[in-house]
PDB file of N, CA and C in Angstrom:
ATOM      1  N   MET A   1      -0.520  12.726 -28.467  1.00  0.00           N
ATOM      2  CA  MET A   1       0.087  12.451 -27.191  1.00  0.00           C
ATOM      3  C   MET A   1      -0.611  13.318 -26.142  1.00  0.00           C
ATOM      4  N   GLY A   2      -0.919  12.734 -25.023  1.00  0.00           N
ATOM      5  CA  GLY A   2      -1.548  13.461 -23.930  1.00  0.00           C
ATOM      6  C   GLY A   2      -0.639  13.500 -22.723  1.00  0.00           C
ATOM      7  N   VAL A   3      -0.892  14.436 -21.879  1.00  0.00           N
ATOM      8  CA  VAL A   3      -0.121  14.571 -20.645  1.00  0.00           C
ATOM      9  C   VAL A   3      -1.079  14.403 -19.477  1.00  0.00           C
ATOM     10  N   LEU A   4      -0.687  13.564 -18.556  1.00  0.00           N
ATOM     11  CA  LEU A   4      -1.493  13.320 -17.370  1.00  0.00           C
ATOM     12  C   LEU A   4      -0.746  13.847 -16.157  1.00  0.00           C
ATOM     13  N   SER A   5      -1.391  14.650 -15.392  1.00  0.00           N
ATOM     14  CA  SER A   5      -0.785  15.188 -14.176  1.00  0.00           C
ATOM     15  C   SER A   5      -1.345  14.428 -12.979  1.00  0.00           C
ATOM     16  N   VAL A   6      -0.459  13.953 -12.124  1.00  0.00           N
ATOM     17  CA  VAL A   6      -0.883  13.254 -10.913  1.00  0.00           C
ATOM     18  C   VAL A   6      -0.177  13.869  -9.715  1.00  0.00           C
ATOM     19  N   ARG A   7      -0.776  13.730  -8.568  1.00  0.00           N
ATOM     20  CA  ARG A   7      -0.219  14.279  -7.336  1.00  0.00           C
ATOM     21  C   ARG A   7      -0.113  13.168  -6.306  1.00  0.00           C
ATOM     22  N   ALA A   8       1.037  13.089  -5.677  1.00  0.00           N
ATOM     23  CA  ALA A   8       1.220  12.113  -4.601  1.00  0.00           C
ATOM     24  C   ALA A   8       0.626  12.667  -3.317  1.00  0.00           C
ATOM     25  N   ASP A   9      -0.121  11.857  -2.619  1.00  0.00           N
ATOM     26  CA  ASP A   9      -0.654  12.251  -1.317  1.00  0.00           C
ATOM     27  C   ASP A   9       0.270  11.639  -0.278  1.00  0.00           C
ATOM     28  N   GLU A  10       1.260  12.413   0.112  1.00  0.00           N
ATOM     29  CA  GLU A  10       2.305  11.893   0.976  1.00  0.00           C
ATOM     30  C   GLU A  10       1.846  11.771   2.416  1.00  0.00           C
ATOM     31  N   GLY A  11       2.545  10.939   3.137  1.00  0.00           N
ATOM     32  CA  GLY A  11       2.269  10.798   4.550  1.00  0.00           C
ATOM     33  C   GLY A  11       2.404   9.362   4.995  1.00  0.00           C
ATOM     34  N   MET A  12       2.350   9.196   6.282  1.00  0.00           N
ATOM     35  CA  MET A  12       2.360   7.860   6.864  1.00  0.00           C
ATOM     36  C   MET A  12       1.079   7.715   7.664  1.00  0.00           C
ATOM     37  N   TRP A  13       0.422   6.591   7.497  1.00  0.00           N
ATOM     38  CA  TRP A  13      -0.850   6.367   8.173  1.00  0.00           C
ATOM     39  C   TRP A  13      -0.789   5.057   8.934  1.00  0.00           C
ATOM     40  N   MET A  14      -1.411   5.045  10.069  1.00  0.00           N
ATOM     41  CA  MET A  14      -1.515   3.820  10.848  1.00  0.00           C
ATOM     42  C   MET A  14      -2.540   2.923  10.165  1.00  0.00           C
ATOM     43  N   LEU A  15      -2.134   1.713   9.834  1.00  0.00           N
ATOM     44  CA  LEU A  15      -3.020   0.823   9.085  1.00  0.00           C
ATOM     45  C   LEU A  15      -4.322   0.526   9.808  1.00  0.00           C
ATOM     46  N   HIS A  16      -4.270   0.396  11.125  1.00  0.00           N
ATOM     47  CA  HIS A  16      -5.506   0.071  11.848  1.00  0.00           C
ATOM     48  C   HIS A  16      -6.499   1.235  11.839  1.00  0.00           C
ATOM     49  N   LEU A  17      -6.057   2.442  11.447  1.00  0.00           N
ATOM     50  CA  LEU A  17      -6.947   3.603  11.342  1.00  0.00           C
ATOM     51  C   LEU A  17      -7.299   3.940   9.897  1.00  0.00           C
ATOM     52  N   LEU A  18      -6.870   3.111   8.960  1.00  0.00           N
ATOM     53  CA  LEU A  18      -7.053   3.390   7.536  1.00  0.00           C
ATOM     54  C   LEU A  18      -8.507   3.627   7.163  1.00  0.00           C
ATOM     55  N   LYS A  19      -9.390   2.752   7.589  1.00  0.00           N
ATOM     56  CA  LYS A  19     -10.802   2.865   7.201  1.00  0.00           C
ATOM     57  C   LYS A  19     -11.399   4.185   7.673  1.00  0.00           C
ATOM     58  N   LYS A  20     -11.039   4.600   8.855  1.00  0.00           N
ATOM     59  CA  LYS A  20     -11.604   5.817   9.433  1.00  0.00           C
ATOM     60  C   LYS A  20     -10.959   7.084   8.860  1.00  0.00           C
ATOM     61  N   GLN A  21      -9.644   7.049   8.601  1.00  0.00           N
ATOM     62  CA  GLN A  21      -8.941   8.274   8.236  1.00  0.00           C
ATOM     63  C   GLN A  21      -8.724   8.458   6.735  1.00  0.00           C
ATOM     64  N   GLN A  22      -8.308   7.451   6.006  1.00  0.00           N
ATOM     65  CA  GLN A  22      -7.892   7.626   4.619  1.00  0.00           C
ATOM     66  C   GLN A  22      -8.779   6.931   3.596  1.00  0.00           C
ATOM     67  N   TYR A  23      -9.436   5.884   3.975  1.00  0.00           N
ATOM     68  CA  TYR A  23     -10.151   5.048   3.014  1.00  0.00           C
ATOM     69  C   TYR A  23     -11.216   5.792   2.210  1.00  0.00           C
ATOM     70  N   PRO A  24     -12.045   6.641   2.807  1.00  0.00           N
ATOM     71  CA  PRO A  24     -13.052   7.351   2.001  1.00  0.00           C
ATOM     72  C   PRO A  24     -12.430   8.189   0.876  1.00  0.00           C
ATOM     73  N   ALA A  25     -11.358   8.896   1.170  1.00  0.00           N
ATOM     74  CA  ALA A  25     -10.686   9.698   0.137  1.00  0.00           C
ATOM     75  C   ALA A  25     -10.070   8.802  -0.929  1.00  0.00           C
ATOM     76  N   MET A  26      -9.521   7.663  -0.529  1.00  0.00           N
ATOM     77  CA  MET A  26      -8.932   6.731  -1.489  1.00  0.00           C
ATOM     78  C   MET A  26      -9.998   6.199  -2.444  1.00  0.00           C
ATOM     79  N   ARG A  27     -11.184   5.913  -1.933  1.00  0.00           N
ATOM     80  CA  ARG A  27     -12.287   5.443  -2.785  1.00  0.00           C
ATOM     81  C   ARG A  27     -12.705   6.534  -3.773  1.00  0.00           C
ATOM     82  N   GLN A  28     -12.770   7.775  -3.299  1.00  0.00           N
ATOM     83  CA  GLN A  28     -13.135   8.883  -4.181  1.00  0.00           C
ATOM     84  C   GLN A  28     -12.117   9.065  -5.298  1.00  0.00           C
ATOM     85  N   LEU A  29     -10.868   8.726  -5.031  1.00  0.00           N
ATOM     86  CA  LEU A  29      -9.820   8.840  -6.042  1.00  0.00           C
ATOM     87  C   LEU A  29      -9.768   7.635  -6.974  1.00  0.00           C
ATOM     88  N   GLY A  30     -10.633   6.639  -6.753  1.00  0.00           N
ATOM     89  CA  GLY A  30     -10.728   5.516  -7.675  1.00  0.00           C
ATOM     90  C   GLY A  30     -10.268   4.169  -7.165  1.00  0.00           C
ATOM     91  N   LEU A  31      -9.921   4.055  -5.894  1.00  0.00           N
ATOM     92  CA  LEU A  31      -9.494   2.771  -5.347  1.00  0.00           C
ATOM     93  C   LEU A  31     -10.602   1.740  -5.497  1.00  0.00           C
ATOM     94  N   LYS A  32     -10.260   0.563  -6.001  1.00  0.00           N
ATOM     95  CA  LYS A  32     -11.240  -0.503  -6.198  1.00  0.00           C
ATOM     96  C   LYS A  32     -11.186  -1.563  -5.096  1.00  0.00           C
ATOM     97  N   LEU A  33     -10.115  -1.587  -4.308  1.00  0.00           N
ATOM     98  CA  LEU A  33      -9.980  -2.573  -3.238  1.00  0.00           C
ATOM     99  C   LEU A  33     -10.888  -2.230  -2.070  1.00  0.00           C
ATOM    100  N   GLU A  34     -11.300  -3.250  -1.355  1.00  0.00           N
ATOM    101  CA  GLU A  34     -12.019  -3.045  -0.100  1.00  0.00           C
ATOM    102  C   GLU A  34     -10.996  -2.721   0.986  1.00  0.00           C
ATOM    103  N   ASP A  35     -11.421  -2.067   2.044  1.00  0.00           N
ATOM    104  CA  ASP A  35     -10.490  -1.712   3.111  1.00  0.00           C
ATOM    105  C   ASP A  35      -9.823  -2.949   3.708  1.00  0.00           C
ATOM    106  N   TYR A  36     -10.550  -4.053   3.830  1.00  0.00           N
ATOM    107  CA  TYR A  36      -9.978  -5.269   4.411  1.00  0.00           C
ATOM    108  C   TYR A  36      -8.991  -5.960   3.472  1.00  0.00           C
ATOM    109  N   ASP A  37      -8.983  -5.602   2.177  1.00  0.00           N
ATOM    110  CA  ASP A  37      -7.962  -6.115   1.261  1.00  0.00           C
ATOM    111  C   ASP A  37      -6.615  -5.442   1.519  1.00  0.00           C
ATOM    112  N   ILE A  38      -6.652  -4.232   2.054  1.00  0.00           N
ATOM    113  CA  ILE A  38      -5.435  -3.492   2.369  1.00  0.00           C
ATOM    114  C   ILE A  38      -4.925  -3.870   3.752  1.00  0.00           C
ATOM    115  N   TYR A  39      -5.823  -3.860   4.741  1.00  0.00           N
ATOM    116  CA  TYR A  39      -5.431  -4.205   6.106  1.00  0.00           C
ATOM    117  C   TYR A  39      -6.507  -5.048   6.759  1.00  0.00           C
ATOM    118  N   ASN A  40      -6.141  -6.267   7.088  1.00  0.00           N
ATOM    119  CA  ASN A  40      -7.034  -7.185   7.778  1.00  0.00           C
ATOM    120  C   ASN A  40      -6.220  -7.857   8.883  1.00  0.00           C
ATOM    121  N   PRO A  41      -6.392  -7.448  10.130  1.00  0.00           N
ATOM    122  CA  PRO A  41      -5.598  -8.034  11.205  1.00  0.00           C
ATOM    123  C   PRO A  41      -5.914  -9.506  11.458  1.00  0.00           C
ATOM    124  N   ASP A  42      -7.056  -9.976  10.948  1.00  0.00           N
ATOM    125  CA  ASP A  42      -7.469 -11.359  11.179  1.00  0.00           C
ATOM    126  C   ASP A  42      -7.272 -12.268   9.972  1.00  0.00           C
ATOM    127  N   GLY A  43      -6.647 -11.758   8.904  1.00  0.00           N
ATOM    128  CA  GLY A  43      -6.468 -12.567   7.709  1.00  0.00           C
ATOM    129  C   GLY A  43      -5.449 -11.950   6.770  1.00  0.00           C
ATOM    130  N   SER A  44      -5.310 -12.544   5.606  1.00  0.00           N
ATOM    131  CA  SER A  44      -4.351 -12.071   4.615  1.00  0.00           C
ATOM    132  C   SER A  44      -4.819 -10.774   3.978  1.00  0.00           C
ATOM    133  N   SER A  45      -3.873  -9.866   3.758  1.00  0.00           N
ATOM    134  CA  SER A  45      -4.155  -8.591   3.099  1.00  0.00           C
ATOM    135  C   SER A  45      -2.831  -8.028   2.579  1.00  0.00           C
ATOM    136  N   LEU A  46      -2.870  -6.849   1.978  1.00  0.00           N
ATOM    137  CA  LEU A  46      -1.649  -6.245   1.448  1.00  0.00           C
ATOM    138  C   LEU A  46      -0.592  -6.018   2.517  1.00  0.00           C
ATOM    139  N   LYS A  47      -1.003  -5.866   3.759  1.00  0.00           N
ATOM    140  CA  LYS A  47      -0.023  -5.685   4.837  1.00  0.00           C
ATOM    141  C   LYS A  47       0.957  -6.847   4.895  1.00  0.00           C
ATOM    142  N   ASP A  48       0.544  -7.999   4.439  1.00  0.00           N
ATOM    143  CA  ASP A  48       1.405  -9.179   4.471  1.00  0.00           C
ATOM    144  C   ASP A  48       2.403  -9.211   3.322  1.00  0.00           C
ATOM    145  N   ALA A  49       2.290  -8.287   2.372  1.00  0.00           N
ATOM    146  CA  ALA A  49       3.195  -8.243   1.225  1.00  0.00           C
ATOM    147  C   ALA A  49       4.399  -7.344   1.471  1.00  0.00           C
ATOM    148  N   VAL A  50       4.430  -6.606   2.587  1.00  0.00           N
ATOM    149  CA  VAL A  50       5.552  -5.720   2.891  1.00  0.00           C
ATOM    150  C   VAL A  50       6.583  -6.506   3.687  1.00  0.00           C
ATOM    151  N   VAL A  51       7.832  -6.445   3.232  1.00  0.00           N
ATOM    152  CA  VAL A  51       8.907  -7.191   3.883  1.00  0.00           C
ATOM    153  C   VAL A  51       9.969  -6.216   4.380  1.00  0.00           C
ATOM    154  N   GLN A  52      10.781  -6.670   5.330  1.00  0.00           N
ATOM    155  CA  GLN A  52      11.885  -5.860   5.850  1.00  0.00           C
ATOM    156  C   GLN A  52      13.181  -6.626   5.656  1.00  0.00           C
ATOM    157  N   PHE A  53      14.192  -5.931   5.127  1.00  0.00           N
ATOM    158  CA  PHE A  53      15.509  -6.520   4.908  1.00  0.00           C
ATOM    159  C   PHE A  53      16.520  -5.888   5.848  1.00  0.00           C
ATOM    160  N   GLY A  54      17.407  -6.706   6.392  1.00  0.00           N
ATOM    161  CA  GLY A  54      18.495  -6.182   7.200  1.00  0.00           C
ATOM    162  C   GLY A  54      18.012  -5.323   8.348  1.00  0.00           C
ATOM    163  N   SER A  55      18.555  -4.108   8.425  1.00  0.00           N
ATOM    164  CA  SER A  55      18.260  -3.238   9.564  1.00  0.00           C
ATOM    165  C   SER A  55      17.179  -2.211   9.272  1.00  0.00           C
ATOM    166  N   GLY A  56      16.313  -2.461   8.309  1.00  0.00           N
ATOM    167  CA  GLY A  56      15.196  -1.549   8.131  1.00  0.00           C
ATOM    168  C   GLY A  56      14.772  -1.245   6.715  1.00  0.00           C
ATOM    169  N   CYS A  57      15.495  -1.699   5.707  1.00  0.00           N
ATOM    170  CA  CYS A  57      15.058  -1.457   4.332  1.00  0.00           C
ATOM    171  C   CYS A  57      13.779  -2.251   4.082  1.00  0.00           C
ATOM    172  N   THR A  58      12.828  -1.636   3.418  1.00  0.00           N
ATOM    173  CA  THR A  58      11.566  -2.317   3.157  1.00  0.00           C
ATOM    174  C   THR A  58      11.388  -2.590   1.677  1.00  0.00           C
ATOM    175  N   GLY A  59      10.505  -3.502   1.394  1.00  0.00           N
ATOM    176  CA  GLY A  59      10.153  -3.843   0.025  1.00  0.00           C
ATOM    177  C   GLY A  59       8.744  -4.390   0.000  1.00  0.00           C
ATOM    178  N   GLU A  60       8.248  -4.607  -1.198  1.00  0.00           N
ATOM    179  CA  GLU A  60       6.901  -5.137  -1.375  1.00  0.00           C
ATOM    180  C   GLU A  60       6.969  -6.329  -2.311  1.00  0.00           C
ATOM    181  N   VAL A  61       6.341  -7.418  -1.929  1.00  0.00           N
ATOM    182  CA  VAL A  61       6.225  -8.583  -2.795  1.00  0.00           C
ATOM    183  C   VAL A  61       5.106  -8.281  -3.778  1.00  0.00           C
ATOM    184  N   ILE A  62       5.408  -8.314  -5.092  1.00  0.00           N
ATOM    185  CA  ILE A  62       4.406  -7.902  -6.076  1.00  0.00           C
ATOM    186  C   ILE A  62       4.003  -9.002  -7.044  1.00  0.00           C
ATOM    187  N   SER A  63       4.509 -10.214  -6.853  1.00  0.00           N
ATOM    188  CA  SER A  63       4.091 -11.287  -7.752  1.00  0.00           C
ATOM    189  C   SER A  63       4.067 -12.616  -7.015  1.00  0.00           C
ATOM    190  N   SER A  64       3.354 -13.548  -7.580  1.00  0.00           N
ATOM    191  CA  SER A  64       3.286 -14.885  -6.978  1.00  0.00           C
ATOM    192  C   SER A  64       4.602 -15.640  -7.133  1.00  0.00           C
ATOM    193  N   GLN A  65       5.506 -15.142  -7.993  1.00  0.00           N
ATOM    194  CA  GLN A  65       6.819 -15.758  -8.171  1.00  0.00           C
ATOM    195  C   GLN A  65       7.868 -15.165  -7.228  1.00  0.00           C
ATOM    196  N   GLY A  66       7.464 -14.222  -6.377  1.00  0.00           N
ATOM    197  CA  GLY A  66       8.376 -13.675  -5.386  1.00  0.00           C
ATOM    198  C   GLY A  66       9.116 -12.416  -5.798  1.00  0.00           C
ATOM    199  N   LEU A  67       8.697 -11.732  -6.850  1.00  0.00           N
ATOM    200  CA  LEU A  67       9.335 -10.484  -7.251  1.00  0.00           C
ATOM    201  C   LEU A  67       9.131  -9.437  -6.165  1.00  0.00           C
ATOM    202  N   VAL A  68      10.230  -8.795  -5.744  1.00  0.00           N
ATOM    203  CA  VAL A  68      10.187  -7.812  -4.665  1.00  0.00           C
ATOM    204  C   VAL A  68      10.719  -6.477  -5.175  1.00  0.00           C
ATOM    205  N   LEU A  69       9.985  -5.389  -4.911  1.00  0.00           N
ATOM    206  CA  LEU A  69      10.455  -4.037  -5.206  1.00  0.00           C
ATOM    207  C   LEU A  69      11.003  -3.429  -3.930  1.00  0.00           C
ATOM    208  N   THR A  70      12.143  -2.745  -4.045  1.00  0.00           N
ATOM    209  CA  THR A  70      12.730  -2.053  -2.900  1.00  0.00           C
ATOM    210  C   THR A  70      13.148  -0.652  -3.316  1.00  0.00           C
ATOM    211  N   ASN A  71      13.431   0.204  -2.317  1.00  0.00           N
ATOM    212  CA  ASN A  71      13.996   1.526  -2.614  1.00  0.00           C
ATOM    213  C   ASN A  71      15.467   1.339  -2.943  1.00  0.00           C
ATOM    214  N   HIS A  72      16.017   2.282  -3.676  1.00  0.00           N
ATOM    215  CA  HIS A  72      17.457   2.308  -3.921  1.00  0.00           C
ATOM    216  C   HIS A  72      18.083   3.155  -2.825  1.00  0.00           C
ATOM    217  N   HIS A  73      19.034   2.593  -2.081  1.00  0.00           N
ATOM    218  CA  HIS A  73      19.711   3.350  -1.008  1.00  0.00           C
ATOM    219  C   HIS A  73      21.138   3.589  -1.406  1.00  0.00           C
TER     220      HIS A  73
END
């Protein structure tokens, strides 16, 4: 049995600044997606998978069948 230690890089980032501010570090950490797969203002990207419920709860659509993950409040 092995133990893997991981660290969360917390924070909030403006998506339109992702390529300039966070993307290089994300690639160094192993990200395989292109920056435009995460945020593309002119087309479909991961930004389109985030949904808002009610007065502000958020979730992410994670499957083609409509499975949504949300925080527990």
